[in-house]
Amino acid sequence: MDVVVRDQKLLEPVATVVSVALRLLIALIVAAFILSTVHGWSGRSVCVTDWASDSSYAARDFLPEPGARVVSVPRYCADSATTPQKLLAVLGPLASLVLYAGSLLLLNSLLRGAARDGAHTLRTAGQLRLLGWWLLVGGVLAAVVAAVARTALLGTLARSVDLTALSWLQAWNAPYLDMFVGFGLLTFSRITRTGAMMREDLEGLV
């Protein structure tokens, strides 16, 4: 049996199901983002939560048990948001959309290429490496963009917030899952590349 045909059978029906699912997911993600952006852009209010600060102030409506306390997290809202504030509000979701939509497209291309050319090829290894770097670097960049945008927006709404490196670090959430998956894909890329080179050497000896 031809190697490519064998790999195609190994990847089915997953490759077809993933291909259709990825297209549907991309369409849903884009539609949801457009709807949320249009709704947020047409509205006048923009809000942001300052997760880096808290207060032990307890409102009278909250009655903690003895030995417990209520911690409040401030949330700032602009009644009439300006255009720059609206842009800052959508930067974080936009960065995440680009990251995950790009990941789905690269995964779809990887599966289609593996089904066409074979799973144990240098091309498949290269696509695995590309997807790994995309998740690793893109995840960090998307988190940086979201943190910078959130901090900048908060700086326009709260007098007590200064735009410093410390405030940005407090707003930054490390994308651990994206990083771990990216490192894993880079490892599998090296394994696939080694296997493909060994297969080419064996085919050359036959």
N, C-alpha and C. Protein backbone atom coordinates (compact mmCIF):
# COMPACT_ATOMS: atom_id res chain seq x y z
N MET A 1 0.84 -1.20 0.00
CA MET A 1 0.00 0.00 0.00
C MET A 1 0.88 1.24 0.00
N ASP A 2 0.52 2.24 -0.82
CA ASP A 2 1.28 3.48 -0.89
C ASP A 2 1.25 4.18 0.46
N VAL A 3 2.41 4.81 0.82
CA VAL A 3 2.52 5.46 2.13
C VAL A 3 1.53 6.59 2.27
N VAL A 4 1.36 7.39 1.20
CA VAL A 4 0.44 8.53 1.27
C VAL A 4 -0.99 8.05 1.48
N VAL A 5 -1.38 7.02 0.75
CA VAL A 5 -2.74 6.48 0.91
C VAL A 5 -2.93 5.94 2.32
N ARG A 6 -1.91 5.28 2.85
CA ARG A 6 -2.00 4.76 4.21
C ARG A 6 -2.16 5.88 5.22
N ASP A 7 -1.39 6.97 5.06
CA ASP A 7 -1.49 8.10 5.97
C ASP A 7 -2.84 8.79 5.85
N GLN A 8 -3.38 8.86 4.63
CA GLN A 8 -4.71 9.43 4.45
C GLN A 8 -5.75 8.65 5.23
N LYS A 9 -5.66 7.33 5.18
CA LYS A 9 -6.61 6.50 5.91
C LYS A 9 -6.43 6.63 7.41
N LEU A 10 -5.19 6.80 7.84
CA LEU A 10 -4.94 6.99 9.27
C LEU A 10 -5.54 8.31 9.78
N LEU A 11 -5.55 9.33 8.93
CA LEU A 11 -6.04 10.64 9.33
C LEU A 11 -7.55 10.78 9.20
N GLU A 12 -8.19 9.85 8.51
CA GLU A 12 -9.64 9.91 8.35
C GLU A 12 -10.33 9.07 9.44
N PRO A 13 -11.56 9.50 9.86
CA PRO A 13 -12.30 10.68 9.38
C PRO A 13 -11.96 11.97 10.09
N VAL A 14 -10.90 11.94 10.92
CA VAL A 14 -10.57 13.12 11.72
C VAL A 14 -10.27 14.33 10.84
N ALA A 15 -9.51 14.13 9.77
CA ALA A 15 -9.12 15.26 8.92
C ALA A 15 -10.34 15.95 8.32
N THR A 16 -11.30 15.16 7.82
CA THR A 16 -12.50 15.76 7.23
C THR A 16 -13.35 16.46 8.28
N VAL A 17 -13.54 15.80 9.42
CA VAL A 17 -14.35 16.39 10.48
C VAL A 17 -13.73 17.69 10.99
N VAL A 18 -12.41 17.67 11.20
CA VAL A 18 -11.72 18.87 11.68
C VAL A 18 -11.79 19.98 10.65
N SER A 19 -11.66 19.64 9.37
CA SER A 19 -11.71 20.65 8.32
C SER A 19 -13.06 21.37 8.32
N VAL A 20 -14.14 20.59 8.42
CA VAL A 20 -15.48 21.20 8.45
C VAL A 20 -15.69 21.98 9.75
N ALA A 21 -15.26 21.39 10.86
CA ALA A 21 -15.45 22.04 12.16
C ALA A 21 -14.66 23.35 12.25
N LEU A 22 -13.45 23.36 11.69
CA LEU A 22 -12.65 24.56 11.74
C LEU A 22 -13.31 25.70 10.97
N ARG A 23 -13.86 25.39 9.81
CA ARG A 23 -14.55 26.42 9.03
C ARG A 23 -15.75 26.98 9.79
N LEU A 24 -16.51 26.08 10.43
CA LEU A 24 -17.66 26.54 11.20
C LEU A 24 -17.23 27.37 12.40
N LEU A 25 -16.17 26.93 13.08
CA LEU A 25 -15.69 27.66 14.25
C LEU A 25 -15.17 29.04 13.87
N ILE A 26 -14.43 29.12 12.78
CA ILE A 26 -13.92 30.41 12.33
C ILE A 26 -15.07 31.35 12.00
N ALA A 27 -16.09 30.81 11.30
CA ALA A 27 -17.24 31.64 10.96
C ALA A 27 -17.96 32.13 12.22
N LEU A 28 -18.12 31.24 13.20
CA LEU A 28 -18.78 31.63 14.44
C LEU A 28 -17.97 32.65 15.23
N ILE A 29 -16.66 32.44 15.29
CA ILE A 29 -15.81 33.37 16.04
C ILE A 29 -15.83 34.75 15.40
N VAL A 30 -15.70 34.79 14.08
CA VAL A 30 -15.70 36.08 13.38
C VAL A 30 -17.05 36.78 13.55
N ALA A 31 -18.15 36.00 13.42
CA ALA A 31 -19.48 36.60 13.56
C ALA A 31 -19.70 37.13 14.97
N ALA A 32 -19.28 36.35 15.98
CA ALA A 32 -19.44 36.79 17.36
C ALA A 32 -18.61 38.04 17.63
N PHE A 33 -17.39 38.06 17.09
CA PHE A 33 -16.55 39.23 17.31
C PHE A 33 -17.13 40.47 16.64
N ILE A 34 -17.63 40.30 15.41
CA ILE A 34 -18.22 41.44 14.70
C ILE A 34 -19.43 41.97 15.45
N LEU A 35 -20.30 41.06 15.91
CA LEU A 35 -21.49 41.48 16.63
C LEU A 35 -21.13 42.21 17.93
N SER A 36 -20.17 41.64 18.67
CA SER A 36 -19.78 42.27 19.93
C SER A 36 -19.10 43.61 19.68
N THR A 37 -18.30 43.68 18.60
CA THR A 37 -17.62 44.95 18.29
C THR A 37 -18.61 46.02 17.87
N VAL A 38 -19.57 45.63 17.01
CA VAL A 38 -20.58 46.59 16.56
C VAL A 38 -21.41 47.07 17.74
N HIS A 39 -21.78 46.12 18.62
CA HIS A 39 -22.56 46.50 19.79
C HIS A 39 -21.77 47.44 20.70
N GLY A 40 -20.49 47.09 20.92
CA GLY A 40 -19.66 47.93 21.77
C GLY A 40 -19.35 49.28 21.14
N TRP A 41 -19.19 49.29 19.81
CA TRP A 41 -18.86 50.53 19.13
C TRP A 41 -20.05 51.48 19.08
N SER A 42 -21.25 50.90 18.90
CA SER A 42 -22.45 51.73 18.83
C SER A 42 -22.86 52.23 20.20
N GLY A 43 -22.50 51.48 21.25
CA GLY A 43 -22.84 51.92 22.59
C GLY A 43 -21.91 53.03 23.06
N ARG A 44 -22.33 53.72 24.07
CA ARG A 44 -21.57 54.86 24.58
C ARG A 44 -20.69 54.48 25.76
N SER A 45 -20.99 53.37 26.42
CA SER A 45 -20.28 53.00 27.64
C SER A 45 -19.16 52.00 27.35
N VAL A 46 -18.02 52.22 28.00
CA VAL A 46 -16.88 51.31 27.95
C VAL A 46 -16.42 51.09 29.38
N CYS A 47 -16.24 49.83 29.76
CA CYS A 47 -15.87 49.51 31.14
C CYS A 47 -14.60 48.67 31.18
N VAL A 48 -13.87 48.80 32.28
CA VAL A 48 -12.68 48.00 32.50
C VAL A 48 -12.53 47.77 34.00
N THR A 49 -12.12 46.56 34.38
CA THR A 49 -11.96 46.21 35.78
C THR A 49 -10.49 46.28 36.17
N ASP A 50 -10.22 46.91 37.29
CA ASP A 50 -8.85 47.02 37.79
C ASP A 50 -8.58 45.85 38.73
N TRP A 51 -8.17 44.69 38.12
CA TRP A 51 -7.94 43.49 38.91
C TRP A 51 -6.69 43.60 39.79
N ALA A 52 -5.83 44.57 39.49
CA ALA A 52 -4.58 44.68 40.24
C ALA A 52 -4.78 45.31 41.61
N SER A 53 -5.89 45.99 41.82
CA SER A 53 -6.13 46.65 43.11
C SER A 53 -7.39 46.10 43.74
N ASP A 54 -7.42 46.12 45.05
CA ASP A 54 -8.62 45.70 45.77
C ASP A 54 -8.71 46.50 47.05
N SER A 55 -9.84 46.41 47.66
CA SER A 55 -10.08 47.15 48.89
C SER A 55 -10.78 46.25 49.88
N SER A 56 -10.51 46.46 51.15
CA SER A 56 -11.18 45.69 52.19
C SER A 56 -12.50 46.33 52.58
N TYR A 57 -12.89 47.37 51.84
CA TYR A 57 -14.16 48.03 52.13
C TYR A 57 -15.31 47.06 51.89
N ALA A 58 -16.17 46.91 52.85
CA ALA A 58 -17.31 46.01 52.73
C ALA A 58 -18.59 46.82 52.76
N ALA A 59 -19.36 46.72 51.70
CA ALA A 59 -20.63 47.42 51.65
C ALA A 59 -21.60 46.80 52.65
N ARG A 60 -22.58 47.58 53.05
CA ARG A 60 -23.52 47.09 54.05
C ARG A 60 -24.38 45.95 53.52
N ASP A 61 -24.52 45.86 52.20
CA ASP A 61 -25.34 44.79 51.63
C ASP A 61 -24.66 43.43 51.69
N PHE A 62 -23.34 43.42 51.98
CA PHE A 62 -22.61 42.16 52.04
C PHE A 62 -22.28 41.87 53.51
N LEU A 63 -22.71 40.71 53.97
CA LEU A 63 -22.52 40.35 55.38
C LEU A 63 -21.66 39.10 55.47
N PRO A 64 -20.35 39.25 55.61
CA PRO A 64 -19.48 38.07 55.70
C PRO A 64 -19.61 37.38 57.05
N GLU A 65 -19.24 36.13 57.08
CA GLU A 65 -19.21 35.38 58.33
C GLU A 65 -18.08 35.90 59.22
N PRO A 66 -18.17 35.64 60.51
CA PRO A 66 -17.08 36.06 61.41
C PRO A 66 -15.75 35.48 60.96
N GLY A 67 -14.74 36.30 60.91
CA GLY A 67 -13.42 35.88 60.47
C GLY A 67 -13.21 36.03 58.99
N ALA A 68 -14.25 36.43 58.24
CA ALA A 68 -14.14 36.65 56.80
C ALA A 68 -14.33 38.13 56.50
N ARG A 69 -13.86 38.54 55.35
CA ARG A 69 -13.99 39.93 54.93
C ARG A 69 -14.35 39.99 53.45
N VAL A 70 -14.96 41.07 53.06
CA VAL A 70 -15.34 41.29 51.68
C VAL A 70 -14.29 42.14 51.00
N VAL A 71 -13.81 41.70 49.85
CA VAL A 71 -12.83 42.45 49.08
C VAL A 71 -13.52 42.95 47.81
N SER A 72 -13.47 44.22 47.59
CA SER A 72 -14.11 44.80 46.41
C SER A 72 -13.06 45.11 45.36
N VAL A 73 -13.39 44.85 44.10
CA VAL A 73 -12.51 45.14 42.97
C VAL A 73 -13.15 46.26 42.15
N PRO A 74 -12.47 47.38 41.98
CA PRO A 74 -13.09 48.52 41.28
C PRO A 74 -13.27 48.25 39.79
N ARG A 75 -14.37 48.72 39.27
CA ARG A 75 -14.67 48.63 37.84
C ARG A 75 -15.05 50.02 37.37
N TYR A 76 -14.28 50.53 36.40
CA TYR A 76 -14.48 51.88 35.89
C TYR A 76 -15.21 51.84 34.55
N CYS A 77 -16.16 52.73 34.38
CA CYS A 77 -16.94 52.81 33.15
C CYS A 77 -17.01 54.25 32.67
N ALA A 78 -16.87 54.42 31.38
CA ALA A 78 -17.02 55.74 30.76
C ALA A 78 -18.44 55.86 30.22
N ASP A 79 -19.18 56.84 30.70
CA ASP A 79 -20.55 57.01 30.25
C ASP A 79 -20.61 57.37 28.76
N SER A 80 -19.67 58.18 28.32
CA SER A 80 -19.59 58.55 26.90
C SER A 80 -18.17 58.29 26.43
N ALA A 81 -17.92 57.08 26.00
CA ALA A 81 -16.56 56.68 25.62
C ALA A 81 -16.11 57.39 24.35
N THR A 82 -14.84 57.76 24.33
CA THR A 82 -14.27 58.39 23.13
C THR A 82 -13.84 57.30 22.15
N THR A 83 -13.49 57.73 20.95
CA THR A 83 -13.04 56.76 19.94
C THR A 83 -11.77 56.03 20.37
N PRO A 84 -10.76 56.72 20.91
CA PRO A 84 -9.58 55.99 21.40
C PRO A 84 -9.92 54.97 22.50
N GLN A 85 -10.83 55.31 23.38
CA GLN A 85 -11.22 54.37 24.43
C GLN A 85 -11.90 53.14 23.86
N LYS A 86 -12.73 53.32 22.85
CA LYS A 86 -13.39 52.18 22.21
C LYS A 86 -12.37 51.31 21.48
N LEU A 87 -11.37 51.95 20.86
CA LEU A 87 -10.32 51.18 20.19
C LEU A 87 -9.54 50.34 21.19
N LEU A 88 -9.20 50.93 22.34
CA LEU A 88 -8.48 50.19 23.37
C LEU A 88 -9.31 49.03 23.91
N ALA A 89 -10.63 49.21 23.97
CA ALA A 89 -11.50 48.17 24.50
C ALA A 89 -11.56 46.95 23.59
N VAL A 90 -11.39 47.15 22.28
CA VAL A 90 -11.51 46.01 21.34
C VAL A 90 -10.15 45.42 20.96
N LEU A 91 -9.05 46.05 21.36
CA LEU A 91 -7.73 45.55 20.98
C LEU A 91 -7.45 44.16 21.55
N GLY A 92 -7.78 43.96 22.82
CA GLY A 92 -7.53 42.66 23.44
C GLY A 92 -8.30 41.53 22.78
N PRO A 93 -9.65 41.66 22.62
CA PRO A 93 -10.39 40.61 21.92
C PRO A 93 -9.93 40.41 20.47
N LEU A 94 -9.53 41.51 19.81
CA LEU A 94 -9.06 41.38 18.43
C LEU A 94 -7.76 40.57 18.36
N ALA A 95 -6.85 40.80 19.31
CA ALA A 95 -5.59 40.04 19.33
C ALA A 95 -5.85 38.56 19.55
N SER A 96 -6.78 38.24 20.46
CA SER A 96 -7.13 36.83 20.70
C SER A 96 -7.78 36.21 19.48
N LEU A 97 -8.62 36.97 18.79
CA LEU A 97 -9.28 36.46 17.58
C LEU A 97 -8.25 36.12 16.52
N VAL A 98 -7.29 37.01 16.30
CA VAL A 98 -6.26 36.76 15.29
C VAL A 98 -5.44 35.52 15.67
N LEU A 99 -5.11 35.38 16.95
CA LEU A 99 -4.31 34.24 17.40
C LEU A 99 -5.03 32.92 17.14
N TYR A 100 -6.25 32.81 17.60
CA TYR A 100 -6.94 31.51 17.52
C TYR A 100 -7.49 31.23 16.13
N ALA A 101 -7.92 32.26 15.40
CA ALA A 101 -8.33 32.03 14.02
C ALA A 101 -7.14 31.58 13.18
N GLY A 102 -5.98 32.20 13.40
CA GLY A 102 -4.77 31.78 12.70
C GLY A 102 -4.35 30.37 13.08
N SER A 103 -4.52 30.01 14.36
CA SER A 103 -4.19 28.66 14.80
C SER A 103 -5.08 27.62 14.12
N LEU A 104 -6.37 27.94 14.00
CA LEU A 104 -7.28 27.01 13.34
C LEU A 104 -6.94 26.85 11.87
N LEU A 105 -6.59 27.94 11.22
CA LEU A 105 -6.22 27.86 9.80
C LEU A 105 -4.94 27.05 9.61
N LEU A 106 -3.96 27.26 10.47
CA LEU A 106 -2.71 26.51 10.36
C LEU A 106 -2.94 25.03 10.65
N LEU A 107 -3.80 24.73 11.63
CA LEU A 107 -4.10 23.33 11.93
C LEU A 107 -4.81 22.67 10.76
N ASN A 108 -5.73 23.39 10.15
CA ASN A 108 -6.43 22.85 8.99
C ASN A 108 -5.46 22.59 7.84
N SER A 109 -4.54 23.52 7.61
CA SER A 109 -3.54 23.33 6.56
C SER A 109 -2.62 22.16 6.87
N LEU A 110 -2.28 22.00 8.15
CA LEU A 110 -1.44 20.87 8.56
C LEU A 110 -2.11 19.54 8.27
N LEU A 111 -3.37 19.41 8.63
CA LEU A 111 -4.09 18.15 8.41
C LEU A 111 -4.28 17.87 6.92
N ARG A 112 -4.59 18.90 6.16
CA ARG A 112 -4.79 18.69 4.73
C ARG A 112 -3.47 18.30 4.05
N GLY A 113 -2.38 18.95 4.45
CA GLY A 113 -1.09 18.61 3.88
C GLY A 113 -0.65 17.21 4.26
N ALA A 114 -0.91 16.81 5.50
CA ALA A 114 -0.54 15.46 5.94
C ALA A 114 -1.36 14.41 5.20
N ALA A 115 -2.64 14.72 4.94
CA ALA A 115 -3.48 13.76 4.21
C ALA A 115 -3.05 13.66 2.75
N ARG A 116 -2.53 14.75 2.20
CA ARG A 116 -2.15 14.75 0.78
C ARG A 116 -0.75 14.18 0.56
N ASP A 117 0.21 14.61 1.38
CA ASP A 117 1.61 14.24 1.15
C ASP A 117 2.11 13.14 2.08
N GLY A 118 1.36 12.87 3.15
CA GLY A 118 1.82 11.89 4.13
C GLY A 118 2.13 12.57 5.46
N ALA A 119 1.92 11.83 6.54
CA ALA A 119 2.13 12.41 7.86
C ALA A 119 3.61 12.50 8.23
N HIS A 120 4.41 11.53 7.76
CA HIS A 120 5.83 11.48 8.14
C HIS A 120 6.68 12.10 7.03
N THR A 121 6.54 13.41 6.86
CA THR A 121 7.30 14.12 5.84
C THR A 121 7.92 15.37 6.44
N LEU A 122 8.92 15.90 5.74
CA LEU A 122 9.56 17.14 6.19
C LEU A 122 8.58 18.31 6.13
N ARG A 123 7.66 18.26 5.17
CA ARG A 123 6.66 19.33 5.06
C ARG A 123 5.74 19.34 6.28
N THR A 124 5.31 18.16 6.71
CA THR A 124 4.48 18.08 7.91
C THR A 124 5.24 18.57 9.13
N ALA A 125 6.51 18.20 9.22
CA ALA A 125 7.33 18.67 10.34
C ALA A 125 7.44 20.19 10.32
N GLY A 126 7.60 20.77 9.14
CA GLY A 126 7.68 22.23 9.03
C GLY A 126 6.39 22.90 9.44
N GLN A 127 5.24 22.30 9.08
CA GLN A 127 3.96 22.89 9.46
C GLN A 127 3.72 22.75 10.96
N LEU A 128 4.16 21.65 11.55
CA LEU A 128 4.07 21.52 13.00
C LEU A 128 4.91 22.59 13.70
N ARG A 129 6.11 22.81 13.17
CA ARG A 129 6.98 23.83 13.76
C ARG A 129 6.36 25.23 13.62
N LEU A 130 5.75 25.50 12.46
CA LEU A 130 5.12 26.81 12.25
C LEU A 130 3.96 27.01 13.23
N LEU A 131 3.13 25.99 13.40
CA LEU A 131 2.02 26.09 14.33
C LEU A 131 2.51 26.26 15.77
N GLY A 132 3.58 25.55 16.11
CA GLY A 132 4.13 25.69 17.45
C GLY A 132 4.64 27.08 17.74
N TRP A 133 5.41 27.65 16.79
CA TRP A 133 5.90 29.01 16.97
C TRP A 133 4.77 30.03 16.98
N TRP A 134 3.74 29.78 16.16
CA TRP A 134 2.59 30.70 16.12
C TRP A 134 1.91 30.76 17.49
N LEU A 135 1.68 29.59 18.10
CA LEU A 135 1.04 29.58 19.41
C LEU A 135 1.95 30.15 20.49
N LEU A 136 3.23 29.83 20.41
CA LEU A 136 4.17 30.26 21.44
C LEU A 136 4.37 31.78 21.39
N VAL A 137 4.78 32.28 20.24
CA VAL A 137 5.05 33.72 20.12
C VAL A 137 3.74 34.51 20.05
N GLY A 138 2.77 33.99 19.27
CA GLY A 138 1.51 34.71 19.15
C GLY A 138 0.76 34.80 20.45
N GLY A 139 0.81 33.73 21.26
CA GLY A 139 0.14 33.78 22.55
C GLY A 139 0.72 34.84 23.46
N VAL A 140 2.04 34.95 23.48
CA VAL A 140 2.69 35.97 24.31
C VAL A 140 2.35 37.37 23.79
N LEU A 141 2.42 37.56 22.46
CA LEU A 141 2.13 38.87 21.90
C LEU A 141 0.67 39.27 22.14
N ALA A 142 -0.26 38.31 21.98
CA ALA A 142 -1.67 38.63 22.22
C ALA A 142 -1.90 39.03 23.67
N ALA A 143 -1.23 38.35 24.60
CA ALA A 143 -1.36 38.70 26.02
C ALA A 143 -0.76 40.07 26.30
N VAL A 144 0.35 40.39 25.64
CA VAL A 144 0.97 41.71 25.81
C VAL A 144 0.04 42.80 25.29
N VAL A 145 -0.51 42.61 24.09
CA VAL A 145 -1.42 43.60 23.52
C VAL A 145 -2.62 43.81 24.42
N ALA A 146 -3.20 42.72 24.93
CA ALA A 146 -4.36 42.84 25.80
C ALA A 146 -4.02 43.58 27.09
N ALA A 147 -2.86 43.30 27.66
CA ALA A 147 -2.46 43.95 28.91
C ALA A 147 -2.18 45.44 28.69
N VAL A 148 -1.50 45.76 27.61
CA VAL A 148 -1.20 47.17 27.32
C VAL A 148 -2.48 47.94 27.06
N ALA A 149 -3.40 47.34 26.27
CA ALA A 149 -4.65 48.02 25.97
C ALA A 149 -5.49 48.20 27.23
N ARG A 150 -5.54 47.17 28.08
CA ARG A 150 -6.33 47.27 29.31
C ARG A 150 -5.75 48.33 30.24
N THR A 151 -4.43 48.35 30.36
CA THR A 151 -3.79 49.34 31.23
C THR A 151 -3.98 50.76 30.70
N ALA A 152 -3.83 50.92 29.38
CA ALA A 152 -4.02 52.25 28.78
C ALA A 152 -5.46 52.73 28.94
N LEU A 153 -6.42 51.82 28.76
CA LEU A 153 -7.82 52.20 28.95
C LEU A 153 -8.09 52.56 30.40
N LEU A 154 -7.53 51.78 31.31
CA LEU A 154 -7.71 52.07 32.73
C LEU A 154 -7.10 53.41 33.09
N GLY A 155 -5.97 53.75 32.44
CA GLY A 155 -5.33 55.03 32.71
C GLY A 155 -6.17 56.23 32.29
N THR A 156 -7.05 56.02 31.31
CA THR A 156 -7.93 57.12 30.87
C THR A 156 -9.17 57.26 31.76
N LEU A 157 -9.41 56.26 32.63
CA LEU A 157 -10.63 56.28 33.44
C LEU A 157 -10.36 56.44 34.93
N ALA A 158 -9.16 56.09 35.39
CA ALA A 158 -8.85 56.14 36.82
C ALA A 158 -7.67 57.06 37.06
N ARG A 159 -7.84 58.01 37.93
CA ARG A 159 -6.76 58.94 38.26
C ARG A 159 -5.66 58.27 39.06
N SER A 160 -6.02 57.21 39.78
CA SER A 160 -5.04 56.56 40.66
C SER A 160 -4.13 55.59 39.93
N VAL A 161 -4.36 55.38 38.63
CA VAL A 161 -3.58 54.42 37.86
C VAL A 161 -2.56 55.15 37.01
N ASP A 162 -1.29 54.79 37.17
CA ASP A 162 -0.21 55.35 36.37
C ASP A 162 0.22 54.33 35.33
N LEU A 163 0.51 54.80 34.13
CA LEU A 163 0.93 53.91 33.05
C LEU A 163 2.42 53.60 33.21
N THR A 164 2.72 52.62 34.03
CA THR A 164 4.10 52.22 34.30
C THR A 164 4.27 50.75 33.93
N ALA A 165 5.54 50.31 33.94
CA ALA A 165 5.83 48.91 33.65
C ALA A 165 5.19 48.00 34.70
N LEU A 166 5.14 48.47 35.96
CA LEU A 166 4.55 47.67 37.03
C LEU A 166 3.05 47.48 36.81
N SER A 167 2.36 48.55 36.41
CA SER A 167 0.92 48.43 36.17
C SER A 167 0.64 47.51 34.99
N TRP A 168 1.52 47.54 33.98
CA TRP A 168 1.35 46.63 32.85
C TRP A 168 1.58 45.19 33.27
N LEU A 169 2.61 44.93 34.08
CA LEU A 169 2.89 43.58 34.53
C LEU A 169 1.76 43.03 35.39
N GLN A 170 1.14 43.90 36.18
CA GLN A 170 0.02 43.46 37.01
C GLN A 170 -1.19 43.09 36.17
N ALA A 171 -1.33 43.71 35.00
CA ALA A 171 -2.47 43.43 34.13
C ALA A 171 -2.19 42.27 33.17
N TRP A 172 -0.93 41.83 33.08
CA TRP A 172 -0.56 40.79 32.11
C TRP A 172 -0.85 39.41 32.66
N ASN A 173 -1.56 38.61 31.86
CA ASN A 173 -1.83 37.21 32.21
C ASN A 173 -1.02 36.32 31.29
N ALA A 174 -0.09 35.59 31.85
CA ALA A 174 0.77 34.73 31.05
C ALA A 174 -0.05 33.64 30.36
N PRO A 175 0.10 33.46 29.05
CA PRO A 175 -0.66 32.43 28.32
C PRO A 175 0.00 31.06 28.47
N TYR A 176 -0.11 30.47 29.65
CA TYR A 176 0.59 29.22 29.93
C TYR A 176 0.16 28.10 28.99
N LEU A 177 -1.15 27.98 28.72
CA LEU A 177 -1.62 26.90 27.87
C LEU A 177 -1.06 27.04 26.45
N ASP A 178 -1.11 28.24 25.89
CA ASP A 178 -0.56 28.46 24.55
C ASP A 178 0.93 28.14 24.52
N MET A 179 1.65 28.52 25.57
CA MET A 179 3.08 28.28 25.61
C MET A 179 3.39 26.79 25.70
N PHE A 180 2.67 26.06 26.56
CA PHE A 180 2.92 24.63 26.71
C PHE A 180 2.59 23.88 25.43
N VAL A 181 1.45 24.23 24.81
CA VAL A 181 1.07 23.57 23.55
C VAL A 181 2.10 23.90 22.46
N GLY A 182 2.56 25.15 22.42
CA GLY A 182 3.56 25.53 21.44
C GLY A 182 4.86 24.76 21.60
N PHE A 183 5.33 24.64 22.85
CA PHE A 183 6.55 23.86 23.10
C PHE A 183 6.35 22.40 22.73
N GLY A 184 5.15 21.86 23.02
CA GLY A 184 4.88 20.47 22.66
C GLY A 184 4.90 20.26 21.15
N LEU A 185 4.32 21.18 20.40
CA LEU A 185 4.31 21.06 18.95
C LEU A 185 5.72 21.18 18.37
N LEU A 186 6.55 22.03 18.96
CA LEU A 186 7.93 22.13 18.50
C LEU A 186 8.68 20.82 18.74
N THR A 187 8.39 20.18 19.87
CA THR A 187 9.02 18.89 20.15
C THR A 187 8.57 17.83 19.16
N PHE A 188 7.26 17.75 18.91
CA PHE A 188 6.75 16.79 17.94
C PHE A 188 7.25 17.10 16.53
N SER A 189 7.50 18.37 16.25
CA SER A 189 8.05 18.73 14.95
C SER A 189 9.44 18.13 14.77
N ARG A 190 10.27 18.19 15.80
CA ARG A 190 11.61 17.60 15.71
C ARG A 190 11.52 16.08 15.57
N ILE A 191 10.57 15.47 16.30
CA ILE A 191 10.41 14.01 16.20
C ILE A 191 9.97 13.62 14.79
N THR A 192 9.00 14.35 14.24
CA THR A 192 8.51 14.06 12.89
C THR A 192 9.60 14.28 11.86
N ARG A 193 10.38 15.34 12.03
CA ARG A 193 11.47 15.61 11.09
C ARG A 193 12.51 14.49 11.12
N THR A 194 12.86 14.01 12.32
CA THR A 194 13.83 12.91 12.43
C THR A 194 13.29 11.65 11.78
N GLY A 195 12.01 11.35 12.02
CA GLY A 195 11.41 10.17 11.40
C GLY A 195 11.36 10.27 9.90
N ALA A 196 11.05 11.47 9.37
CA ALA A 196 11.00 11.65 7.92
C ALA A 196 12.39 11.47 7.29
N MET A 197 13.42 11.99 7.95
CA MET A 197 14.77 11.84 7.42
C MET A 197 15.22 10.38 7.46
N MET A 198 14.85 9.67 8.51
CA MET A 198 15.20 8.24 8.60
C MET A 198 14.48 7.44 7.51
N ARG A 199 13.23 7.80 7.23
CA ARG A 199 12.50 7.08 6.20
C ARG A 199 13.11 7.33 4.83
N GLU A 200 13.55 8.59 4.58
CA GLU A 200 14.19 8.90 3.31
C GLU A 200 15.51 8.13 3.16
N ASP A 201 16.24 7.99 4.27
CA ASP A 201 17.49 7.22 4.21
C ASP A 201 17.22 5.75 3.92
N LEU A 202 16.16 5.20 4.53
CA LEU A 202 15.83 3.80 4.29
C LEU A 202 15.36 3.58 2.85
N GLU A 203 14.57 4.54 2.34
CA GLU A 203 14.11 4.41 0.95
C GLU A 203 15.28 4.51 -0.02
N GLY A 204 16.31 5.28 0.35
CA GLY A 204 17.48 5.39 -0.50
C GLY A 204 18.32 4.13 -0.53
N LEU A 205 18.24 3.34 0.57
CA LEU A 205 19.00 2.10 0.63
C LEU A 205 18.32 0.96 -0.08
N VAL A 206 16.98 1.06 -0.21
CA VAL A 206 16.24 -0.03 -0.85
C VAL A 206 16.42 -0.01 -2.37
